[in-house]
């Protein structure tokens, strides 16, 4: 298959889940096309910045295939994506991996009242620019912590967001991005050791066990991530001061998901 045709087929398959998502929620083609244009410009800008090239409308137009007026319009209205979710993930990660706030991946209950509380110190260890009260409000909104008298407990340290919320969709977008980058790196063999990319599937499992299977997968997945946080956290410069002099900046991501999809119930009278 020619390279152009192969690439078109890959793009089609990558877009298919997004198209299904759009159809289920009544999102029309005009909105999809406009967002695609904006993404093309955003990523082209990022690529030029990474390459330390001058950002010009002409270069962006050539790279994306968009007309100059579209590039100008999109560039003037584009807003940078929020780092909110990453900050919440870092707070939870520090809580579960740092010896100051946990033991053996089991997070301590933290005092949270006042600027010198344990929770305030946790937030400061992630970023001096974060406000502890604001972070606490957000963690409570996401259902990740609960108050127990004068202490705060982390109730779900795998950082699972459910429900029809902006954060859930932001997490979905981030995970899809990481998966595509991991598989692309494996295909191009840009690293001597490949990225983990494993899928286990069965297609004729008894439906009566759906809940027990989901519970089993949740527990095993949470255990795996707890072990990963303990190991990788010991090598993170922000968490382990003994690594301060080592070169850093590498991002490590382990993403897991499970799906138990029940068969459609067919009406035999139709």
Protein backbone atom coordinates (compact mmCIF):
# COMPACT_ATOMS: atom_id res chain seq x y z
CA UNK A 1 0.00 0.00 0.00
CA UNK A 2 1.40 3.44 -0.92
CA UNK A 3 2.48 5.61 2.02
CA UNK A 4 -0.20 8.23 1.28
CA UNK A 5 -3.00 5.64 1.26
CA UNK A 6 -1.66 3.98 4.41
CA UNK A 7 -1.55 7.32 6.23
CA UNK A 8 -5.10 8.15 5.12
CA UNK A 9 -6.30 4.81 6.44
CA UNK A 10 -4.59 5.38 9.79
CA UNK A 11 -6.10 8.88 10.12
CA UNK A 12 -9.54 7.45 9.33
CA UNK A 13 -9.21 4.81 12.05
CA UNK A 14 -7.91 7.32 14.59
CA UNK A 15 -10.83 9.66 13.89
CA UNK A 16 -13.51 6.96 13.99
CA UNK A 17 -13.94 6.96 17.82
CA UNK A 18 -14.16 10.77 17.77
CA UNK A 19 -16.83 10.64 15.04
CA UNK A 20 -18.87 8.12 17.04
CA UNK A 21 -18.54 10.36 20.10
CA UNK A 22 -19.73 13.37 18.06
CA UNK A 23 -22.73 11.53 16.61
CA UNK A 24 -23.88 10.34 20.06
CA UNK A 25 -23.79 13.94 21.33
CA UNK A 26 -25.21 15.69 18.30
CA UNK A 27 -21.99 17.50 17.39
CA UNK A 28 -22.23 18.60 13.74
CA UNK A 29 -19.62 18.52 10.99
CA UNK A 30 -19.12 22.30 11.02
CA UNK A 31 -17.96 22.18 14.65
CA UNK A 32 -15.73 19.16 13.97
CA UNK A 33 -14.07 20.84 10.98
CA UNK A 34 -13.50 24.08 12.90
CA UNK A 35 -11.90 22.26 15.83
CA UNK A 36 -9.73 20.24 13.43
CA UNK A 37 -8.47 23.44 11.83
CA UNK A 38 -7.66 24.88 15.26
CA UNK A 39 -5.78 21.72 16.23
CA UNK A 40 -3.74 21.79 13.02
CA UNK A 41 -2.66 25.36 13.71
CA UNK A 42 -1.95 24.63 17.39
CA UNK A 43 0.25 21.62 16.65
CA UNK A 44 2.02 23.38 13.78
CA UNK A 45 2.84 26.26 16.14
CA UNK A 46 4.15 23.79 18.70
CA UNK A 47 6.31 22.05 16.11
CA UNK A 48 7.84 25.35 14.92
CA UNK A 49 8.48 26.42 18.50
CA UNK A 50 10.11 23.07 19.29
CA UNK A 51 12.35 23.47 16.24
CA UNK A 52 13.13 27.07 17.25
CA UNK A 53 11.71 28.34 13.96
CA UNK A 54 10.04 31.71 13.51
CA UNK A 55 6.25 31.56 13.77
CA UNK A 56 4.73 33.06 10.63
CA UNK A 57 1.32 32.81 9.01
CA UNK A 58 2.94 31.65 5.76
CA UNK A 59 4.73 28.74 7.43
CA UNK A 60 1.61 27.70 9.32
CA UNK A 61 -0.44 27.87 6.13
CA UNK A 62 2.02 25.66 4.23
CA UNK A 63 2.32 23.13 7.06
CA UNK A 64 -1.43 22.76 7.60
CA UNK A 65 -2.81 23.34 4.11
CA UNK A 66 -5.15 26.01 5.51
CA UNK A 67 -5.71 29.38 3.88
CA UNK A 68 -3.84 32.31 5.41
CA UNK A 69 -7.05 34.01 6.57
CA UNK A 70 -8.07 30.87 8.48
CA UNK A 71 -4.64 30.68 10.13
CA UNK A 72 -4.81 34.33 11.17
CA UNK A 73 -8.34 33.99 12.54
CA UNK A 74 -7.54 30.84 14.53
CA UNK A 75 -4.22 32.15 15.84
CA UNK A 76 -5.82 35.34 17.19
CA UNK A 77 -8.62 33.49 19.03
CA UNK A 78 -6.71 30.45 20.29
CA UNK A 79 -6.29 30.02 24.05
CA UNK A 80 -3.67 27.84 25.68
CA UNK A 81 -5.00 24.60 27.20
CA UNK A 82 -5.26 24.46 30.98
CA UNK A 83 -2.75 22.52 33.07
CA UNK A 84 -5.37 21.97 35.78
CA UNK A 85 -5.61 18.19 35.45
CA UNK A 86 -1.85 17.67 35.43
CA UNK A 87 -1.52 19.72 38.63
CA UNK A 88 -4.16 17.62 40.41
CA UNK A 89 -2.41 14.46 39.23
CA UNK A 90 0.92 15.74 40.57
CA UNK A 91 -0.61 16.50 43.97
CA UNK A 92 -2.10 13.00 44.22
CA UNK A 93 1.15 11.48 42.94
CA UNK A 94 3.25 13.31 45.54
CA UNK A 95 0.80 12.27 48.27
CA UNK A 96 1.13 8.57 47.37
CA UNK A 97 4.86 8.37 46.66
CA UNK A 98 6.74 10.80 48.90
CA UNK A 99 7.90 9.38 52.24
CA UNK A 100 6.79 12.66 53.82
CA UNK A 101 3.15 11.95 53.02
CA UNK A 102 2.89 8.15 52.66
CA UNK A 103 4.41 4.86 53.70
CA UNK A 104 4.72 1.96 51.27
CA UNK A 105 2.36 3.67 48.78
CA UNK A 106 -0.25 4.02 51.53
CA UNK A 107 -1.02 7.75 51.86
CA UNK A 108 -1.17 9.27 55.34
CA UNK A 109 -4.20 11.19 56.57
CA UNK A 110 -3.11 14.84 56.55
CA UNK A 111 -4.04 17.81 58.68
CA UNK A 112 -5.51 20.47 56.40
CA UNK A 113 -6.36 23.53 58.45
CA UNK A 114 -4.02 26.49 58.28
CA UNK A 115 -1.03 27.53 56.13
CA UNK A 116 1.37 25.21 57.98
CA UNK A 117 -0.82 22.08 57.82
CA UNK A 118 0.38 18.81 56.29
CA UNK A 119 -1.86 19.33 53.26
CA UNK A 120 -0.54 22.85 52.72
CA UNK A 121 3.01 21.46 52.81
CA UNK A 122 1.99 18.81 50.26
CA UNK A 123 0.66 21.45 47.89
CA UNK A 124 3.79 23.59 48.35
CA UNK A 125 5.98 20.60 47.49
CA UNK A 126 4.25 20.45 44.09
CA UNK A 127 4.19 24.18 43.36
CA UNK A 128 4.64 27.33 45.43
CA UNK A 129 2.11 29.01 43.11
CA UNK A 130 -0.77 26.71 44.09
CA UNK A 131 -3.30 27.73 46.73
CA UNK A 132 -3.96 24.88 49.18
CA UNK A 133 -7.62 25.85 49.71
CA UNK A 134 -8.26 25.88 45.96
CA UNK A 135 -6.60 22.48 45.52
CA UNK A 136 -8.62 21.06 48.43
CA UNK A 137 -11.86 22.34 46.89
CA UNK A 138 -11.02 20.69 43.57
CA UNK A 139 -9.99 17.35 45.10
CA UNK A 140 -13.25 17.28 47.05
CA UNK A 141 -15.22 18.18 43.93
CA UNK A 142 -13.62 15.26 42.11
CA UNK A 143 -14.42 12.92 45.00
CA UNK A 144 -10.78 12.05 45.61
CA UNK A 145 -10.58 13.08 49.28
CA UNK A 146 -12.81 13.10 52.34
CA UNK A 147 -12.62 14.94 55.64
CA UNK A 148 -12.30 12.82 58.77
CA UNK A 149 -12.37 15.21 61.72
CA UNK A 150 -9.25 17.40 61.60
CA UNK A 151 -7.63 15.22 58.92
CA UNK A 152 -7.97 14.70 55.20
CA UNK A 153 -7.94 11.22 53.66
CA UNK A 154 -7.17 10.27 50.06
CA UNK A 155 -10.00 7.90 49.15
CA UNK A 156 -9.06 6.91 45.58
CA UNK A 157 -5.39 7.26 44.79
CA UNK A 158 -5.50 5.93 41.23
CA UNK A 159 -7.03 9.29 40.18
CA UNK A 160 -10.17 8.01 38.53
CA UNK A 161 -12.64 10.61 37.31
CA UNK A 162 -16.14 9.53 36.38
CA UNK A 163 -19.28 11.26 35.27
CA UNK A 164 -19.99 13.71 32.46
CA UNK A 165 -17.39 16.28 33.52
CA UNK A 166 -14.80 18.38 31.69
CA UNK A 167 -12.04 16.67 33.69
CA UNK A 168 -13.16 13.21 32.57
CA UNK A 169 -12.95 14.27 28.93
CA UNK A 170 -9.62 16.00 29.47
CA UNK A 171 -8.26 12.77 30.94
CA UNK A 172 -9.65 10.85 27.94
CA UNK A 173 -7.94 13.26 25.51
CA UNK A 174 -4.64 12.99 27.36
CA UNK A 175 -4.72 9.19 27.48
CA UNK A 176 -5.50 8.93 23.76
CA UNK A 177 -2.56 11.24 23.03
CA UNK A 178 -0.18 9.16 25.12
CA UNK A 179 -1.36 5.90 23.52
CA UNK A 180 -0.84 7.22 19.98
CA UNK A 181 2.62 8.56 20.87
CA UNK A 182 3.62 5.26 22.53
CA UNK A 183 2.52 3.14 19.56
CA UNK A 184 4.08 5.54 17.05
CA UNK A 185 7.41 5.34 18.91
CA UNK A 186 7.21 1.54 18.81
CA UNK A 187 6.53 1.57 15.07
CA UNK A 188 9.40 3.95 14.31
CA UNK A 189 11.62 2.12 16.84
CA UNK A 190 12.87 5.42 18.24
CA UNK A 191 13.87 3.78 21.55
CA UNK A 192 15.95 0.62 22.20
CA UNK A 193 13.29 -0.73 24.60
CA UNK A 194 9.69 -0.58 23.31
CA UNK A 195 6.81 1.03 25.16
CA UNK A 196 4.27 -1.22 26.83
CA UNK A 197 1.31 -1.84 24.52
CA UNK A 198 -0.77 -4.86 25.53
CA UNK A 199 -4.43 -5.72 25.03
CA UNK A 200 -6.26 -8.75 26.44
CA UNK A 201 -9.71 -9.59 25.04
CA UNK A 202 -12.41 -12.23 25.36
CA UNK A 203 -15.69 -12.14 23.44
CA UNK A 204 -17.98 -14.79 24.99
CA UNK A 205 -17.83 -14.23 28.76
CA UNK A 206 -20.90 -14.89 30.90
CA UNK A 207 -22.73 -11.61 31.46
CA UNK A 208 -23.67 -12.52 35.05
CA UNK A 209 -20.07 -11.85 36.10
CA UNK A 210 -19.79 -8.34 34.64
CA UNK A 211 -19.67 -6.62 38.05
CA UNK A 212 -17.17 -9.04 39.57
CA UNK A 213 -14.91 -8.72 36.51
CA UNK A 214 -15.02 -4.91 36.69
CA UNK A 215 -14.19 -5.01 40.42
CA UNK A 216 -11.29 -7.42 39.83
CA UNK A 217 -9.85 -5.29 37.04
CA UNK A 218 -10.20 -2.11 39.12
CA UNK A 219 -8.35 -3.65 42.07
CA UNK A 220 -5.56 -5.18 40.00
CA UNK A 221 -5.16 -1.98 37.99
CA UNK A 222 -4.97 0.14 41.15
CA UNK A 223 -2.39 -2.26 42.64
CA UNK A 224 -0.26 -2.04 39.47
CA UNK A 225 -0.31 1.76 39.51
CA UNK A 226 0.53 1.86 43.21
CA UNK A 227 3.59 -0.29 42.53
CA UNK A 228 4.54 1.85 39.53
CA UNK A 229 4.24 5.07 41.56
CA UNK A 230 6.48 3.64 44.27
CA UNK A 231 9.18 2.55 41.80
CA UNK A 232 9.11 5.50 39.39
CA UNK A 233 8.56 8.01 42.21
CA UNK A 234 11.85 6.92 43.77
CA UNK A 235 13.52 8.11 40.54
CA UNK A 236 11.66 11.43 40.27
CA UNK A 237 13.76 14.49 41.12
CA UNK A 238 10.85 16.40 42.66
CA UNK A 239 10.07 13.56 45.07
CA UNK A 240 13.56 12.22 45.75
CA UNK A 241 16.03 15.01 46.64
CA UNK A 242 19.01 12.61 46.35
CA UNK A 243 18.40 12.65 42.58
CA UNK A 244 18.62 16.44 42.36
CA UNK A 245 21.99 16.48 40.54
CA UNK A 246 20.89 13.91 37.95
CA UNK A 247 19.66 15.10 34.53
CA UNK A 248 15.85 15.12 34.47
CA UNK A 249 12.80 16.22 32.54
CA UNK A 250 11.74 12.80 31.21
CA UNK A 251 7.99 12.13 31.28
CA UNK A 252 6.83 8.62 32.20
CA UNK A 253 3.20 7.62 31.74
CA UNK A 254 1.41 4.37 32.59
CA UNK A 255 -2.24 4.46 31.53
CA UNK A 256 -4.73 1.65 32.06
CA UNK A 257 -8.37 1.15 31.18
CA UNK A 258 -10.81 -1.75 31.12
CA UNK A 259 -14.10 -2.26 29.28
CA UNK A 260 -16.86 -4.76 29.96
CA UNK A 261 -19.27 -4.30 27.06
CA UNK A 262 -22.54 -6.17 27.41
CA UNK A 263 -24.20 -7.55 24.24
CA UNK A 264 -27.05 -5.57 22.74
CA UNK A 265 -30.50 -6.83 23.65
CA UNK A 266 -32.38 -7.58 20.44
CA UNK A 267 -36.18 -7.38 20.21
CA UNK A 268 -37.17 -10.72 18.67
CA UNK A 269 -40.61 -9.32 17.74
CA UNK A 270 -39.10 -6.89 15.22
